[in-house]
Amino acid sequence: MNVTKEEWFATFCEKLSIDPPSEQETEQLLLLAGSAAHASERTAAPIACWLVGRDGIDLQRALEISLDIEESQQRSV
C-alpha cells in the first residue's frame, strides 16, 4: 500500500492530536533535512528537524543557519 506523505502526516498527526505541517512547513523541513544531509552524515537530517521542532525554532531561520554551515564547509574544501 502506497500512501502520500500528506496522507501519512494526516494519520500520524491525528494519532498525536496535533495539526499536520503546512505545505510551506513541509517544504522548509525537506530543505533543512537535505542541507543537513549534504553537509554531514545523512543521519543529521532527521535529528536537525527534531531539534528545530523540540525547541520551536523558526523553520526559515534554521534553514538559513543550515545553508550557511553547508556553504562554509564547501568553501573550506
PDB file of N, CA and C in Angstrom:
ATOM      1  N   MET A   1       0.838  -1.176   0.000  1.00  0.00           N
ATOM      2  CA  MET A   1       0.000   0.000   0.000  1.00  0.00           C
ATOM      3  C   MET A   1       0.884   1.241   0.000  1.00  0.00           C
ATOM      4  N   ASN A   2       0.743   2.083  -1.000  1.00  0.00           N
ATOM      5  CA  ASN A   2       1.480   3.337  -1.081  1.00  0.00           C
ATOM      6  C   ASN A   2       0.583   4.482  -0.668  1.00  0.00           C
ATOM      7  N   VAL A   3       1.051   5.264   0.260  1.00  0.00           N
ATOM      8  CA  VAL A   3       0.315   6.463   0.665  1.00  0.00           C
ATOM      9  C   VAL A   3       1.219   7.665   0.436  1.00  0.00           C
ATOM     10  N   THR A   4       0.615   8.802   0.231  1.00  0.00           N
ATOM     11  CA  THR A   4       1.390  10.022   0.047  1.00  0.00           C
ATOM     12  C   THR A   4       1.910  10.497   1.401  1.00  0.00           C
ATOM     13  N   LYS A   5       2.892  11.381   1.351  1.00  0.00           N
ATOM     14  CA  LYS A   5       3.399  11.928   2.609  1.00  0.00           C
ATOM     15  C   LYS A   5       2.305  12.700   3.331  1.00  0.00           C
ATOM     16  N   GLU A   6       1.432  13.364   2.578  1.00  0.00           N
ATOM     17  CA  GLU A   6       0.341  14.118   3.186  1.00  0.00           C
ATOM     18  C   GLU A   6      -0.632  13.183   3.910  1.00  0.00           C
ATOM     19  N   GLU A   7      -0.920  12.048   3.295  1.00  0.00           N
ATOM     20  CA  GLU A   7      -1.812  11.073   3.935  1.00  0.00           C
ATOM     21  C   GLU A   7      -1.164  10.506   5.199  1.00  0.00           C
ATOM     22  N   TRP A   8       0.129  10.205   5.101  1.00  0.00           N
ATOM     23  CA  TRP A   8       0.832   9.672   6.262  1.00  0.00           C
ATOM     24  C   TRP A   8       0.870  10.704   7.388  1.00  0.00           C
ATOM     25  N   PHE A   9       1.198  11.965   7.030  1.00  0.00           N
ATOM     26  CA  PHE A   9       1.209  13.045   8.029  1.00  0.00           C
ATOM     27  C   PHE A   9      -0.151  13.169   8.697  1.00  0.00           C
ATOM     28  N   ALA A  10      -1.209  13.134   7.909  1.00  0.00           N
ATOM     29  CA  ALA A  10      -2.563  13.290   8.456  1.00  0.00           C
ATOM     30  C   ALA A  10      -2.866  12.202   9.480  1.00  0.00           C
ATOM     31  N   THR A  11      -2.547  10.974   9.137  1.00  0.00           N
ATOM     32  CA  THR A  11      -2.797   9.861  10.066  1.00  0.00           C
ATOM     33  C   THR A  11      -1.920   9.973  11.305  1.00  0.00           C
ATOM     34  N   PHE A  12      -0.638  10.240  11.114  1.00  0.00           N
ATOM     35  CA  PHE A  12       0.305  10.359  12.225  1.00  0.00           C
ATOM     36  C   PHE A  12      -0.102  11.500  13.158  1.00  0.00           C
ATOM     37  N   CYS A  13      -0.403  12.642  12.570  1.00  0.00           N
ATOM     38  CA  CYS A  13      -0.765  13.811  13.380  1.00  0.00           C
ATOM     39  C   CYS A  13      -2.104  13.617  14.094  1.00  0.00           C
ATOM     40  N   GLU A  14      -3.021  12.935  13.452  1.00  0.00           N
ATOM     41  CA  GLU A  14      -4.297  12.640  14.104  1.00  0.00           C
ATOM     42  C   GLU A  14      -4.056  11.814  15.365  1.00  0.00           C
ATOM     43  N   LYS A  15      -3.181  10.834  15.263  1.00  0.00           N
ATOM     44  CA  LYS A  15      -2.887   9.980  16.420  1.00  0.00           C
ATOM     45  C   LYS A  15      -2.128  10.736  17.509  1.00  0.00           C
ATOM     46  N   LEU A  16      -1.379  11.767  17.123  1.00  0.00           N
ATOM     47  CA  LEU A  16      -0.673  12.614  18.080  1.00  0.00           C
ATOM     48  C   LEU A  16      -1.544  13.761  18.603  1.00  0.00           C
ATOM     49  N   SER A  17      -2.722  13.925  18.007  1.00  0.00           N
ATOM     50  CA  SER A  17      -3.642  15.026  18.340  1.00  0.00           C
ATOM     51  C   SER A  17      -3.002  16.390  18.087  1.00  0.00           C
ATOM     52  N   ILE A  18      -2.331  16.490  16.923  1.00  0.00           N
ATOM     53  CA  ILE A  18      -1.743  17.757  16.502  1.00  0.00           C
ATOM     54  C   ILE A  18      -2.100  18.014  15.043  1.00  0.00           C
ATOM     55  N   ASP A  19      -1.912  19.250  14.604  1.00  0.00           N
ATOM     56  CA  ASP A  19      -2.154  19.601  13.209  1.00  0.00           C
ATOM     57  C   ASP A  19      -0.981  19.158  12.351  1.00  0.00           C
ATOM     58  N   PRO A  20      -1.255  18.697  11.137  1.00  0.00           N
ATOM     59  CA  PRO A  20      -0.157  18.339  10.236  1.00  0.00           C
ATOM     60  C   PRO A  20       0.568  19.598   9.767  1.00  0.00           C
ATOM     61  N   PRO A  21       1.793  19.453   9.276  1.00  0.00           N
ATOM     62  CA  PRO A  21       2.523  20.629   8.780  1.00  0.00           C
ATOM     63  C   PRO A  21       1.867  21.185   7.515  1.00  0.00           C
ATOM     64  N   SER A  22       2.005  22.485   7.352  1.00  0.00           N
ATOM     65  CA  SER A  22       1.515  23.125   6.123  1.00  0.00           C
ATOM     66  C   SER A  22       2.440  22.740   4.967  1.00  0.00           C
ATOM     67  N   GLU A  23       2.026  23.057   3.752  1.00  0.00           N
ATOM     68  CA  GLU A  23       2.883  22.785   2.589  1.00  0.00           C
ATOM     69  C   GLU A  23       4.200  23.530   2.723  1.00  0.00           C
ATOM     70  N   GLN A  24       4.140  24.781   3.195  1.00  0.00           N
ATOM     71  CA  GLN A  24       5.353  25.589   3.361  1.00  0.00           C
ATOM     72  C   GLN A  24       6.257  24.971   4.430  1.00  0.00           C
ATOM     73  N   GLU A  25       5.701  24.546   5.537  1.00  0.00           N
ATOM     74  CA  GLU A  25       6.492  23.909   6.590  1.00  0.00           C
ATOM     75  C   GLU A  25       7.135  22.618   6.092  1.00  0.00           C
ATOM     76  N   THR A  26       6.374  21.844   5.346  1.00  0.00           N
ATOM     77  CA  THR A  26       6.905  20.598   4.788  1.00  0.00           C
ATOM     78  C   THR A  26       8.076  20.892   3.867  1.00  0.00           C
ATOM     79  N   GLU A  27       7.928  21.865   3.003  1.00  0.00           N
ATOM     80  CA  GLU A  27       8.996  22.228   2.067  1.00  0.00           C
ATOM     81  C   GLU A  27      10.238  22.701   2.823  1.00  0.00           C
ATOM     82  N   GLN A  28      10.052  23.543   3.835  1.00  0.00           N
ATOM     83  CA  GLN A  28      11.190  24.034   4.609  1.00  0.00           C
ATOM     84  C   GLN A  28      11.889  22.897   5.363  1.00  0.00           C
ATOM     85  N   LEU A  29      11.109  21.983   5.924  1.00  0.00           N
ATOM     86  CA  LEU A  29      11.705  20.840   6.619  1.00  0.00           C
ATOM     87  C   LEU A  29      12.497  19.955   5.661  1.00  0.00           C
ATOM     88  N   LEU A  30      11.965  19.743   4.465  1.00  0.00           N
ATOM     89  CA  LEU A  30      12.679  18.936   3.479  1.00  0.00           C
ATOM     90  C   LEU A  30      13.972  19.613   3.037  1.00  0.00           C
ATOM     91  N   LEU A  31      13.935  20.922   2.885  1.00  0.00           N
ATOM     92  CA  LEU A  31      15.149  21.660   2.528  1.00  0.00           C
ATOM     93  C   LEU A  31      16.171  21.598   3.662  1.00  0.00           C
ATOM     94  N   LEU A  32      15.691  21.761   4.899  1.00  0.00           N
ATOM     95  CA  LEU A  32      16.576  21.656   6.061  1.00  0.00           C
ATOM     96  C   LEU A  32      17.208  20.269   6.126  1.00  0.00           C
ATOM     97  N   ALA A  33      16.399  19.238   5.966  1.00  0.00           N
ATOM     98  CA  ALA A  33      16.907  17.866   6.003  1.00  0.00           C
ATOM     99  C   ALA A  33      17.938  17.643   4.904  1.00  0.00           C
ATOM    100  N   GLY A  34      17.656  18.129   3.721  1.00  0.00           N
ATOM    101  CA  GLY A  34      18.589  17.980   2.603  1.00  0.00           C
ATOM    102  C   GLY A  34      19.900  18.686   2.861  1.00  0.00           C
ATOM    103  N   SER A  35      19.828  19.889   3.387  1.00  0.00           N
ATOM    104  CA  SER A  35      21.031  20.651   3.689  1.00  0.00           C
ATOM    105  C   SER A  35      21.869  19.948   4.753  1.00  0.00           C
ATOM    106  N   ALA A  36      21.219  19.484   5.817  1.00  0.00           N
ATOM    107  CA  ALA A  36      21.931  18.781   6.890  1.00  0.00           C
ATOM    108  C   ALA A  36      22.577  17.502   6.361  1.00  0.00           C
ATOM    109  N   ALA A  37      21.868  16.782   5.510  1.00  0.00           N
ATOM    110  CA  ALA A  37      22.389  15.525   4.968  1.00  0.00           C
ATOM    111  C   ALA A  37      23.574  15.762   4.033  1.00  0.00           C
ATOM    112  N   HIS A  38      23.542  16.862   3.278  1.00  0.00           N
ATOM    113  CA  HIS A  38      24.643  17.143   2.355  1.00  0.00           C
ATOM    114  C   HIS A  38      25.878  17.681   3.072  1.00  0.00           C
ATOM    115  N   ALA A  39      25.666  18.343   4.203  1.00  0.00           N
ATOM    116  CA  ALA A  39      26.786  18.945   4.925  1.00  0.00           C
ATOM    117  C   ALA A  39      27.400  17.989   5.944  1.00  0.00           C
ATOM    118  N   SER A  40      26.782  16.845   6.158  1.00  0.00           N
ATOM    119  CA  SER A  40      27.239  15.921   7.190  1.00  0.00           C
ATOM    120  C   SER A  40      26.821  14.513   6.795  1.00  0.00           C
ATOM    121  N   GLU A  41      26.753  13.658   7.789  1.00  0.00           N
ATOM    122  CA  GLU A  41      26.226  12.319   7.560  1.00  0.00           C
ATOM    123  C   GLU A  41      24.717  12.430   7.340  1.00  0.00           C
ATOM    124  N   ARG A  42      24.169  11.509   6.603  1.00  0.00           N
ATOM    125  CA  ARG A  42      22.733  11.544   6.297  1.00  0.00           C
ATOM    126  C   ARG A  42      21.878  11.535   7.551  1.00  0.00           C
ATOM    127  N   THR A  43      22.367  10.905   8.604  1.00  0.00           N
ATOM    128  CA  THR A  43      21.592  10.816   9.839  1.00  0.00           C
ATOM    129  C   THR A  43      21.422  12.177  10.521  1.00  0.00           C
ATOM    130  N   ALA A  44      22.169  13.176  10.088  1.00  0.00           N
ATOM    131  CA  ALA A  44      21.999  14.524  10.640  1.00  0.00           C
ATOM    132  C   ALA A  44      20.639  15.110  10.261  1.00  0.00           C
ATOM    133  N   ALA A  45      20.082  14.672   9.155  1.00  0.00           N
ATOM    134  CA  ALA A  45      18.825  15.247   8.650  1.00  0.00           C
ATOM    135  C   ALA A  45      17.659  15.103   9.628  1.00  0.00           C
ATOM    136  N   PRO A  46      17.311  13.892  10.056  1.00  0.00           N
ATOM    137  CA  PRO A  46      16.162  13.796  10.962  1.00  0.00           C
ATOM    138  C   PRO A  46      16.431  14.439  12.320  1.00  0.00           C
ATOM    139  N   ILE A  47      17.674  14.379  12.774  1.00  0.00           N
ATOM    140  CA  ILE A  47      17.983  14.963  14.077  1.00  0.00           C
ATOM    141  C   ILE A  47      17.896  16.488  14.003  1.00  0.00           C
ATOM    142  N   ALA A  48      18.356  17.078  12.911  1.00  0.00           N
ATOM    143  CA  ALA A  48      18.248  18.536  12.749  1.00  0.00           C
ATOM    144  C   ALA A  48      16.782  18.967  12.786  1.00  0.00           C
ATOM    145  N   CYS A  49      15.932  18.222  12.105  1.00  0.00           N
ATOM    146  CA  CYS A  49      14.496  18.551  12.101  1.00  0.00           C
ATOM    147  C   CYS A  49      13.897  18.381  13.495  1.00  0.00           C
ATOM    148  N   TRP A  50      14.316  17.344  14.191  1.00  0.00           N
ATOM    149  CA  TRP A  50      13.823  17.117  15.550  1.00  0.00           C
ATOM    150  C   TRP A  50      14.250  18.246  16.478  1.00  0.00           C
ATOM    151  N   LEU A  51      15.506  18.699  16.364  1.00  0.00           N
ATOM    152  CA  LEU A  51      15.992  19.783  17.210  1.00  0.00           C
ATOM    153  C   LEU A  51      15.181  21.057  16.997  1.00  0.00           C
ATOM    154  N   VAL A  52      14.882  21.352  15.746  1.00  0.00           N
ATOM    155  CA  VAL A  52      14.080  22.533  15.424  1.00  0.00           C
ATOM    156  C   VAL A  52      12.698  22.419  16.054  1.00  0.00           C
ATOM    157  N   GLY A  53      12.073  21.259  15.904  1.00  0.00           N
ATOM    158  CA  GLY A  53      10.745  21.055  16.466  1.00  0.00           C
ATOM    159  C   GLY A  53      10.743  21.031  17.981  1.00  0.00           C
ATOM    160  N   ARG A  54      11.754  20.402  18.556  1.00  0.00           N
ATOM    161  CA  ARG A  54      11.814  20.289  20.017  1.00  0.00           C
ATOM    162  C   ARG A  54      11.843  21.649  20.681  1.00  0.00           C
ATOM    163  N   ASP A  55      12.607  22.561  20.111  1.00  0.00           N
ATOM    164  CA  ASP A  55      12.768  23.864  20.747  1.00  0.00           C
ATOM    165  C   ASP A  55      11.983  24.978  20.073  1.00  0.00           C
ATOM    166  N   GLY A  56      11.131  24.623  19.104  1.00  0.00           N
ATOM    167  CA  GLY A  56      10.267  25.620  18.474  1.00  0.00           C
ATOM    168  C   GLY A  56      11.021  26.689  17.694  1.00  0.00           C
ATOM    169  N   ILE A  57      12.139  26.297  17.101  1.00  0.00           N
ATOM    170  CA  ILE A  57      12.938  27.234  16.316  1.00  0.00           C
ATOM    171  C   ILE A  57      12.205  27.558  15.013  1.00  0.00           C
ATOM    172  N   ASP A  58      12.261  28.811  14.602  1.00  0.00           N
ATOM    173  CA  ASP A  58      11.654  29.230  13.336  1.00  0.00           C
ATOM    174  C   ASP A  58      12.302  28.446  12.192  1.00  0.00           C
ATOM    175  N   LEU A  59      11.481  27.808  11.370  1.00  0.00           N
ATOM    176  CA  LEU A  59      12.000  26.961  10.289  1.00  0.00           C
ATOM    177  C   LEU A  59      12.861  27.728   9.303  1.00  0.00           C
ATOM    178  N   GLN A  60      12.440  28.925   8.941  1.00  0.00           N
ATOM    179  CA  GLN A  60      13.217  29.710   7.982  1.00  0.00           C
ATOM    180  C   GLN A  60      14.591  30.043   8.552  1.00  0.00           C
ATOM    181  N   ARG A  61      14.637  30.421   9.810  1.00  0.00           N
ATOM    182  CA  ARG A  61      15.920  30.740  10.459  1.00  0.00           C
ATOM    183  C   ARG A  61      16.807  29.499  10.530  1.00  0.00           C
ATOM    184  N   ALA A  62      16.231  28.364  10.889  1.00  0.00           N
ATOM    185  CA  ALA A  62      17.000  27.120  10.963  1.00  0.00           C
ATOM    186  C   ALA A  62      17.554  26.746   9.589  1.00  0.00           C
ATOM    187  N   LEU A  63      16.749  26.920   8.547  1.00  0.00           N
ATOM    188  CA  LEU A  63      17.201  26.619   7.194  1.00  0.00           C
ATOM    189  C   LEU A  63      18.356  27.537   6.804  1.00  0.00           C
ATOM    190  N   GLU A  64      18.252  28.830   7.110  1.00  0.00           N
ATOM    191  CA  GLU A  64      19.336  29.774   6.806  1.00  0.00           C
ATOM    192  C   GLU A  64      20.632  29.351   7.500  1.00  0.00           C
ATOM    193  N   ILE A  65      20.542  28.962   8.766  1.00  0.00           N
ATOM    194  CA  ILE A  65      21.724  28.528   9.504  1.00  0.00           C
ATOM    195  C   ILE A  65      22.319  27.277   8.874  1.00  0.00           C
ATOM    196  N   SER A  66      21.471  26.315   8.535  1.00  0.00           N
ATOM    197  CA  SER A  66      21.942  25.079   7.929  1.00  0.00           C
ATOM    198  C   SER A  66      22.616  25.336   6.583  1.00  0.00           C
ATOM    199  N   LEU A  67      22.022  26.202   5.772  1.00  0.00           N
ATOM    200  CA  LEU A  67      22.617  26.528   4.473  1.00  0.00           C
ATOM    201  C   LEU A  67      23.942  27.258   4.649  1.00  0.00           C
ATOM    202  N   ASP A  68      24.051  28.126   5.662  1.00  0.00           N
ATOM    203  CA  ASP A  68      25.318  28.810   5.950  1.00  0.00           C
ATOM    204  C   ASP A  68      26.402  27.795   6.307  1.00  0.00           C
ATOM    205  N   ILE A  69      26.047  26.811   7.137  1.00  0.00           N
ATOM    206  CA  ILE A  69      27.004  25.772   7.520  1.00  0.00           C
ATOM    207  C   ILE A  69      27.444  24.986   6.286  1.00  0.00           C
ATOM    208  N   GLU A  70      26.471  24.601   5.477  1.00  0.00           N
ATOM    209  CA  GLU A  70      26.776  23.834   4.261  1.00  0.00           C
ATOM    210  C   GLU A  70      27.690  24.633   3.340  1.00  0.00           C
ATOM    211  N   GLU A  71      27.390  25.912   3.146  1.00  0.00           N
ATOM    212  CA  GLU A  71      28.185  26.762   2.265  1.00  0.00           C
ATOM    213  C   GLU A  71      29.605  26.948   2.801  1.00  0.00           C
ATOM    214  N   SER A  72      29.746  27.176   4.094  1.00  0.00           N
ATOM    215  CA  SER A  72      31.082  27.370   4.659  1.00  0.00           C
ATOM    216  C   SER A  72      31.905  26.092   4.561  1.00  0.00           C
ATOM    217  N   GLN A  73      31.275  24.950   4.678  1.00  0.00           N
ATOM    218  CA  GLN A  73      32.001  23.689   4.535  1.00  0.00           C
ATOM    219  C   GLN A  73      32.449  23.473   3.100  1.00  0.00           C
ATOM    220  N   GLN A  74      31.635  23.886   2.152  1.00  0.00           N
ATOM    221  CA  GLN A  74      32.008  23.737   0.746  1.00  0.00           C
ATOM    222  C   GLN A  74      33.176  24.647   0.386  1.00  0.00           C
ATOM    223  N   ARG A  75      33.206  25.850   0.992  1.00  0.00           N
ATOM    224  CA  ARG A  75      34.294  26.781   0.723  1.00  0.00           C
ATOM    225  C   ARG A  75      35.621  26.279   1.291  1.00  0.00           C
ATOM    226  N   SER A  76      35.550  25.537   2.395  1.00  0.00           N
ATOM    227  CA  SER A  76      36.782  25.085   3.053  1.00  0.00           C
ATOM    228  C   SER A  76      37.356  23.823   2.418  1.00  0.00           C
ATOM    229  N   VAL A  77      36.664  23.257   1.447  1.00  0.00           N
ATOM    230  CA  VAL A  77      37.136  22.032   0.794  1.00  0.00           C
ATOM    231  C   VAL A  77      38.047  22.374  -0.363  1.00  0.00           C
TER     232      VAL A  77
END
